[in-house]
Amino acid sequence: MNTNRVSRLHIAALALTVLTCAVVEGNDLLVINNAGASPGVLRYNGDTGAFIGKFSSFSGTGYSMTYGPDGNLYVGTSNNISRYDGPTGAFLNVFVPTTNGTTNPKPLDMAFGPDGNLYVTGAASKPVWRYNGSTGQFIDAFTISTFGSQPEGLTFGADGNLYVADGFNVDRYNTTTGAFMNHFAGGGGLERAGEVRFGLEGNLYVVGNSLLKFNGKTGTLISNLNSIGSENFAFGLDGSLYTSGAPGIDRYNTSGTFLNHFIPNGSGGLSNPGAIVFVPEPGTMMMLFLSMILLRQSRLVGNARPTCAPSANYSSWVGPTSLLSAQ
């Protein structure tokens, strides 16, 4: 590939990256509701918390969900990982047919990586499993635990690597090879390390005995947000931290100060909330998908590329954070 073409490719990728940063914004809030005889995903107004309606239904116990680069919603349950139309919630297909926690993962968390494939936690000393992001076909056990750990939460960082909360630490793995790199974050309070996400400001938030905040570049503990004990959380466009638990959906600032009960228990039948995710704007996923293609292509030609990272709203690799730095 000639130099001019590579240069144009990088300029296009950078321009699209900046544009993507500008257009990414959260919309409505989706919440897994495991209560009652008809579990499903409930939809709420992302600005007011008002109930809109039931977005989708599933059988079994819902564990996790994320949006894919195709703009569709993926929901992991005790039975399978299913794909739903992103804007409407209409069932599309069973993407990964079996999730039994033994020969297949127990999808406590999942995320699309920079290669476009789907990564799923296995739990109970099982690996992080990797599936083809287009077909759902099993590829491999991407990471193998050698520490007796139990992978529960996972996300991708701005450095392109995979971060896995394993019940004791947050471990960092090479995204290309799956090789263990280091215990990125550890210490007291991480004995129950579960869901893990990078915040809008670039810091790493991990569910342990409470919610812990670490420097996103160094792994140094910043603070223990003792007031937050929820196992599921997401970041809103307003920069607030939304948590899912027995009271419903609560809203905090990133210092752990309670702001309000955003969605009270009982609203729309909410009684046992689980994973939560904000719906991307309709045009956003297409922009992100195109950005991913350009960024991956520029990486193939061996040159530097703009730094991208997962959206703080969910763990998949979908948006750039090159302008963010850990505080």
Protein backbone atom coordinates (compact mmCIF):
# COMPACT_ATOMS: atom_id res chain seq x y z
CA MET A 1 0.00 0.00 0.00
CA ASN A 2 1.53 3.34 -0.98
CA THR A 3 2.30 6.04 1.54
CA ASN A 4 -0.31 8.50 0.25
CA ARG A 5 -3.06 5.92 0.52
CA VAL A 6 -2.00 5.00 4.06
CA SER A 7 -1.90 8.67 4.96
CA ARG A 8 -5.39 9.24 3.60
CA LEU A 9 -6.59 6.19 5.47
CA HIS A 10 -5.24 7.54 8.75
CA ILE A 11 -6.73 10.97 8.13
CA ALA A 12 -10.09 9.37 7.37
CA ALA A 13 -9.87 7.18 10.47
CA LEU A 14 -8.94 10.13 12.66
CA ALA A 15 -11.73 12.30 11.23
CA LEU A 16 -14.26 9.54 11.72
CA THR A 17 -12.96 8.95 15.23
CA VAL A 18 -13.47 12.59 16.16
CA LEU A 19 -16.91 12.61 14.54
CA THR A 20 -17.85 9.44 16.41
CA CYS A 21 -16.83 11.08 19.68
CA ALA A 22 -19.13 13.96 18.85
CA VAL A 23 -22.21 11.89 18.01
CA VAL A 24 -22.09 9.18 20.69
CA GLU A 25 -24.86 9.76 23.20
CA GLY A 26 -27.03 7.58 25.37
CA ASN A 27 -30.73 7.22 24.71
CA ASP A 28 -33.13 5.04 26.68
CA LEU A 29 -32.05 2.75 29.50
CA LEU A 30 -32.57 -1.01 29.21
CA VAL A 31 -32.81 -3.13 32.35
CA ILE A 32 -32.86 -6.92 32.70
CA ASN A 33 -35.79 -7.87 34.93
CA ASN A 34 -35.65 -11.47 36.21
CA ALA A 35 -38.79 -11.33 38.34
CA GLY A 36 -42.06 -13.10 37.65
CA ALA A 37 -43.09 -15.70 35.13
CA SER A 38 -42.13 -13.56 32.14
CA PRO A 39 -38.55 -12.28 32.52
CA GLY A 40 -37.33 -9.78 29.99
CA VAL A 41 -35.69 -6.46 29.23
CA LEU A 42 -37.57 -3.33 30.29
CA ARG A 43 -37.12 0.06 28.62
CA TYR A 44 -37.06 3.43 30.38
CA ASN A 45 -36.55 7.01 29.28
CA GLY A 46 -32.84 7.72 29.70
CA ASP A 47 -33.46 11.33 30.75
CA THR A 48 -36.43 11.01 33.10
CA GLY A 49 -36.54 7.35 34.14
CA ALA A 50 -40.18 7.06 32.98
CA PHE A 51 -41.25 3.54 31.98
CA ILE A 52 -41.69 3.12 28.20
CA GLY A 53 -42.48 -0.57 27.82
CA LYS A 54 -41.13 -4.09 27.68
CA PHE A 55 -38.33 -4.18 25.15
CA SER A 56 -37.82 -7.93 24.78
CA SER A 57 -38.53 -11.28 26.46
CA PHE A 58 -36.33 -14.27 27.21
CA SER A 59 -36.48 -17.55 29.10
CA GLY A 60 -34.26 -18.54 31.99
CA THR A 61 -32.21 -16.12 34.09
CA GLY A 62 -30.77 -13.02 32.44
CA TYR A 63 -27.14 -12.29 33.29
CA SER A 64 -25.70 -9.78 30.84
CA MET A 65 -26.28 -7.72 27.72
CA THR A 66 -24.36 -5.53 25.32
CA TYR A 67 -24.81 -3.86 21.97
CA GLY A 68 -22.80 -5.24 19.08
CA PRO A 69 -21.11 -3.45 16.17
CA ASP A 70 -24.15 -4.44 14.07
CA GLY A 71 -26.33 -2.22 16.27
CA ASN A 72 -28.24 -5.15 17.77
CA LEU A 73 -28.68 -6.10 21.41
CA TYR A 74 -27.16 -9.34 22.73
CA VAL A 75 -28.61 -10.84 25.92
CA GLY A 76 -26.87 -13.62 27.84
CA THR A 77 -29.08 -15.93 29.89
CA SER A 78 -28.86 -19.31 31.61
CA ASN A 79 -30.05 -20.87 28.33
CA ASN A 80 -28.27 -19.05 25.51
CA ILE A 81 -27.06 -15.75 24.09
CA SER A 82 -29.77 -14.29 21.90
CA ARG A 83 -29.73 -11.39 19.48
CA TYR A 84 -32.48 -8.76 19.34
CA ASP A 85 -33.10 -5.91 16.95
CA GLY A 86 -31.34 -2.90 18.47
CA PRO A 87 -34.03 -0.23 17.99
CA THR A 88 -37.18 -2.37 18.45
CA GLY A 89 -36.22 -5.33 20.66
CA ALA A 90 -37.66 -7.86 18.19
CA PHE A 91 -36.10 -11.32 18.56
CA LEU A 92 -33.70 -12.09 15.71
CA ASN A 93 -31.99 -15.38 16.53
CA VAL A 94 -30.19 -17.51 19.10
CA PHE A 95 -26.60 -16.38 18.61
CA VAL A 96 -24.83 -18.83 20.97
CA PRO A 97 -27.11 -21.81 21.57
CA THR A 98 -25.89 -23.20 24.90
CA THR A 99 -24.69 -21.42 28.04
CA ASN A 100 -24.44 -24.15 30.66
CA GLY A 101 -21.32 -22.95 32.50
CA THR A 102 -19.44 -26.22 31.88
CA THR A 103 -18.57 -26.92 28.25
CA ASN A 104 -19.96 -23.48 27.41
CA PRO A 105 -19.78 -20.19 29.28
CA LYS A 106 -22.08 -18.91 31.96
CA PRO A 107 -22.46 -15.41 30.49
CA LEU A 108 -22.04 -13.28 33.60
CA ASP A 109 -20.62 -10.60 31.30
CA MET A 110 -19.77 -10.21 27.63
CA ALA A 111 -18.25 -7.69 25.26
CA PHE A 112 -17.32 -7.28 21.62
CA GLY A 113 -13.58 -6.85 21.16
CA PRO A 114 -11.57 -4.72 18.72
CA ASP A 115 -11.46 -7.74 16.39
CA GLY A 116 -15.27 -7.67 16.19
CA ASN A 117 -15.65 -10.98 18.02
CA LEU A 118 -17.71 -11.66 21.14
CA TYR A 119 -15.94 -12.39 24.44
CA VAL A 120 -17.89 -14.07 27.23
CA THR A 121 -16.93 -14.87 30.81
CA GLY A 122 -17.07 -18.52 31.79
CA ALA A 123 -17.23 -18.25 35.64
CA ALA A 124 -16.24 -20.94 38.15
CA SER A 125 -12.58 -21.21 37.04
CA LYS A 126 -13.65 -21.39 33.39
CA PRO A 127 -11.93 -19.34 30.65
CA VAL A 128 -13.05 -16.27 28.78
CA TRP A 129 -14.68 -17.74 25.67
CA ARG A 130 -14.45 -16.16 22.21
CA TYR A 131 -17.11 -16.42 19.51
CA ASN A 132 -17.24 -15.21 15.93
CA GLY A 133 -18.91 -11.80 16.09
CA SER A 134 -20.89 -12.38 12.89
CA THR A 135 -21.98 -16.02 13.17
CA GLY A 136 -21.75 -16.88 16.88
CA GLN A 137 -19.53 -19.85 16.07
CA PHE A 138 -17.12 -20.85 18.85
CA ILE A 139 -13.52 -19.81 18.15
CA ASP A 140 -11.53 -20.66 21.28
CA ALA A 141 -11.02 -20.36 25.01
CA PHE A 142 -9.27 -17.02 24.76
CA THR A 143 -7.85 -16.83 28.29
CA ILE A 144 -7.09 -19.75 30.56
CA SER A 145 -7.07 -19.08 34.28
CA THR A 146 -3.88 -20.22 36.02
CA PHE A 147 -4.62 -18.65 39.38
CA GLY A 148 -7.73 -20.58 40.43
CA SER A 149 -9.71 -17.45 39.64
CA GLN A 150 -13.33 -17.11 38.58
CA PRO A 151 -13.76 -14.65 35.69
CA GLU A 152 -16.95 -12.66 36.10
CA GLY A 153 -16.66 -9.16 34.60
CA LEU A 154 -14.72 -8.09 31.52
CA THR A 155 -14.13 -4.99 29.42
CA PHE A 156 -11.65 -3.64 26.88
CA GLY A 157 -9.36 -0.73 27.70
CA ALA A 158 -8.05 2.24 25.74
CA ASP A 159 -4.80 0.30 25.33
CA GLY A 160 -6.71 -2.35 23.37
CA ASN A 161 -6.20 -5.02 26.03
CA LEU A 162 -8.76 -7.17 27.82
CA TYR A 163 -9.45 -6.55 31.50
CA VAL A 164 -11.03 -9.38 33.49
CA ALA A 165 -12.30 -9.20 37.08
CA ASP A 166 -11.70 -12.64 38.51
CA GLY A 167 -12.96 -12.51 42.09
CA PHE A 168 -9.57 -11.44 43.46
CA ASN A 169 -8.00 -8.96 41.04
CA VAL A 170 -8.53 -7.22 37.74
CA ASP A 171 -6.21 -9.02 35.33
CA ARG A 172 -4.99 -7.65 32.02
CA TYR A 173 -4.62 -9.87 28.95
CA ASN A 174 -3.10 -9.26 25.54
CA THR A 175 -5.99 -8.86 23.08
CA THR A 176 -4.08 -10.47 20.22
CA THR A 177 -2.74 -13.58 21.96
CA GLY A 178 -4.81 -13.92 25.13
CA ALA A 179 -1.58 -14.06 27.15
CA PHE A 180 -1.73 -12.91 30.78
CA MET A 181 0.07 -9.57 31.18
CA ASN A 182 -0.34 -8.56 34.82
CA HIS A 183 -2.62 -8.11 37.80
CA PHE A 184 -3.66 -4.59 36.83
CA ALA A 185 -5.63 -3.80 40.00
CA GLY A 186 -5.77 -5.65 43.30
CA GLY A 187 -5.87 -5.30 47.03
CA GLY A 188 -8.46 -5.26 49.77
CA GLY A 189 -12.06 -5.00 48.69
CA LEU A 190 -11.65 -6.98 45.46
CA GLU A 191 -12.36 -10.36 47.03
CA ARG A 192 -15.63 -10.43 45.10
CA ALA A 193 -14.44 -8.64 41.97
CA GLY A 194 -17.25 -8.78 39.40
CA GLU A 195 -18.49 -6.24 36.88
CA VAL A 196 -15.79 -3.90 35.58
CA ARG A 197 -16.12 -0.80 33.38
CA PHE A 198 -14.06 2.20 32.35
CA GLY A 199 -15.77 5.50 33.20
CA LEU A 200 -16.17 8.52 30.97
CA GLU A 201 -13.10 10.10 32.54
CA GLY A 202 -10.97 6.99 31.88
CA ASN A 203 -10.85 5.51 35.38
CA LEU A 204 -11.65 1.87 36.06
CA TYR A 205 -14.65 0.97 38.24
CA VAL A 206 -14.95 -2.51 39.72
CA VAL A 207 -17.65 -4.18 41.78
CA GLY A 208 -15.98 -5.76 44.82
CA ASN A 209 -17.18 -5.70 48.40
CA SER A 210 -18.35 -2.25 47.30
CA LEU A 211 -17.66 -0.25 44.14
CA LEU A 212 -13.96 0.60 43.82
CA LYS A 213 -12.38 3.22 41.56
CA PHE A 214 -8.88 2.75 40.14
CA ASN A 215 -6.65 4.90 37.98
CA GLY A 216 -7.31 3.69 34.43
CA LYS A 217 -3.66 3.95 33.42
CA THR A 218 -1.78 2.71 36.48
CA GLY A 219 -4.29 0.53 38.37
CA THR A 220 -3.70 2.52 41.56
CA LEU A 221 -6.68 2.63 43.90
CA ILE A 222 -8.32 6.08 43.93
CA SER A 223 -11.25 5.55 46.24
CA ASN A 224 -13.68 3.08 47.77
CA LEU A 225 -17.23 4.16 46.96
CA ASN A 226 -18.63 2.53 50.09
CA SER A 227 -22.12 3.88 49.50
CA ILE A 228 -22.52 1.76 46.34
CA GLY A 229 -23.01 -1.97 46.77
CA SER A 230 -24.80 -2.85 43.53
CA GLU A 231 -23.49 -5.62 41.28
CA ASN A 232 -24.49 -3.97 37.98
CA PHE A 233 -23.86 -0.42 36.80
CA ALA A 234 -23.52 1.80 33.74
CA PHE A 235 -22.50 5.39 32.98
CA GLY A 236 -24.98 7.86 31.53
CA LEU A 237 -24.26 10.62 29.08
CA ASP A 238 -24.63 13.06 31.98
CA GLY A 239 -21.53 11.48 33.55
CA SER A 240 -23.53 9.96 36.38
CA LEU A 241 -23.22 6.40 37.61
CA TYR A 242 -26.42 4.34 37.37
CA THR A 243 -26.66 1.25 39.58
CA SER A 244 -29.06 -1.68 39.53
CA GLY A 245 -30.23 -3.32 42.75
CA ALA A 246 -33.05 -3.98 45.22
CA PRO A 247 -34.24 -0.33 45.39
CA GLY A 248 -34.43 -0.16 41.59
CA ILE A 249 -32.06 2.00 39.54
CA ASP A 250 -30.20 4.61 41.58
CA ARG A 251 -28.06 7.47 40.32
CA TYR A 252 -24.75 8.60 41.86
CA ASN A 253 -21.95 10.91 40.90
CA THR A 254 -18.54 9.32 40.35
CA SER A 255 -17.46 10.25 43.87
CA GLY A 256 -20.18 7.98 45.24
CA THR A 257 -22.62 10.71 46.32
CA PHE A 258 -26.24 9.58 46.00
CA LEU A 259 -28.25 11.78 43.62
CA ASN A 260 -31.69 10.17 43.32
CA HIS A 261 -33.78 7.02 42.87
CA PHE A 262 -33.85 7.23 39.09
CA ILE A 263 -36.22 4.30 38.54
CA PRO A 264 -38.07 3.08 41.64
CA ASN A 265 -38.70 -0.59 42.23
CA GLY A 266 -42.12 -1.48 40.82
CA SER A 267 -42.02 0.92 37.89
CA GLY A 268 -43.16 -1.07 34.84
CA GLY A 269 -43.07 -4.26 36.91
CA LEU A 270 -39.42 -3.85 37.90
CA SER A 271 -38.69 -6.03 40.92
CA ASN A 272 -35.43 -7.90 40.39
CA PRO A 273 -33.21 -5.72 38.18
CA GLY A 274 -29.98 -7.06 36.75
CA ALA A 275 -27.68 -5.80 34.01
CA ILE A 276 -28.35 -2.35 32.54
CA VAL A 277 -27.27 -0.67 29.31
CA PHE A 278 -28.03 2.61 27.55
CA VAL A 279 -29.34 2.41 23.97
CA PRO A 280 -27.00 4.10 21.46
CA GLU A 281 -28.46 6.69 19.11
CA PRO A 282 -29.61 5.11 15.80
CA GLY A 283 -26.79 6.52 13.66
CA THR A 284 -24.09 5.93 16.22
CA MET A 285 -23.53 2.20 15.74
CA MET A 286 -23.03 2.59 11.98
CA MET A 287 -20.44 5.30 12.59
CA LEU A 288 -18.73 3.12 15.16
CA PHE A 289 -18.76 0.11 12.87
CA LEU A 290 -17.16 2.11 10.05
CA SER A 291 -14.64 3.54 12.49
CA MET A 292 -13.74 0.04 13.62
CA ILE A 293 -13.12 -1.07 10.02
CA LEU A 294 -10.85 1.90 9.27
CA LEU A 295 -8.97 1.59 12.54
CA ARG A 296 -8.42 -2.13 12.09
CA GLN A 297 -7.24 -1.57 8.51
CA SER A 298 -4.79 1.10 9.58
CA ARG A 299 -3.46 -1.27 12.22
CA LEU A 300 -2.87 -3.91 9.56
CA VAL A 301 -0.55 -1.60 7.62
CA GLY A 302 1.61 -1.21 10.70
CA ASN A 303 1.08 2.43 11.54
CA ALA A 304 -0.21 4.13 14.65
CA ARG A 305 -3.94 4.48 14.99
CA PRO A 306 -6.22 6.68 17.08
CA THR A 307 -6.81 5.26 20.52
CA CYS A 308 -10.21 3.66 20.92
CA ALA A 309 -11.92 2.13 23.91
CA PRO A 310 -15.26 0.77 24.99
CA SER A 311 -18.15 3.10 25.59
CA ALA A 312 -18.65 3.63 29.31
CA ASN A 313 -22.28 2.59 28.84
CA TYR A 314 -21.29 -0.97 28.03
CA SER A 315 -18.19 -3.08 27.84
CA SER A 316 -17.86 -3.64 24.11
CA TRP A 317 -15.18 -1.98 21.97
CA VAL A 318 -17.21 0.71 20.28
CA GLY A 319 -15.87 4.20 20.75
CA PRO A 320 -12.75 6.35 20.97
CA THR A 321 -11.55 7.94 24.19
CA SER A 322 -8.32 9.49 22.99
CA LEU A 323 -9.31 12.81 24.53
CA LEU A 324 -9.95 11.28 27.95
CA SER A 325 -7.33 10.80 30.63
CA ALA A 326 -7.52 9.14 34.01
CA GLN A 327 -7.73 11.62 36.83
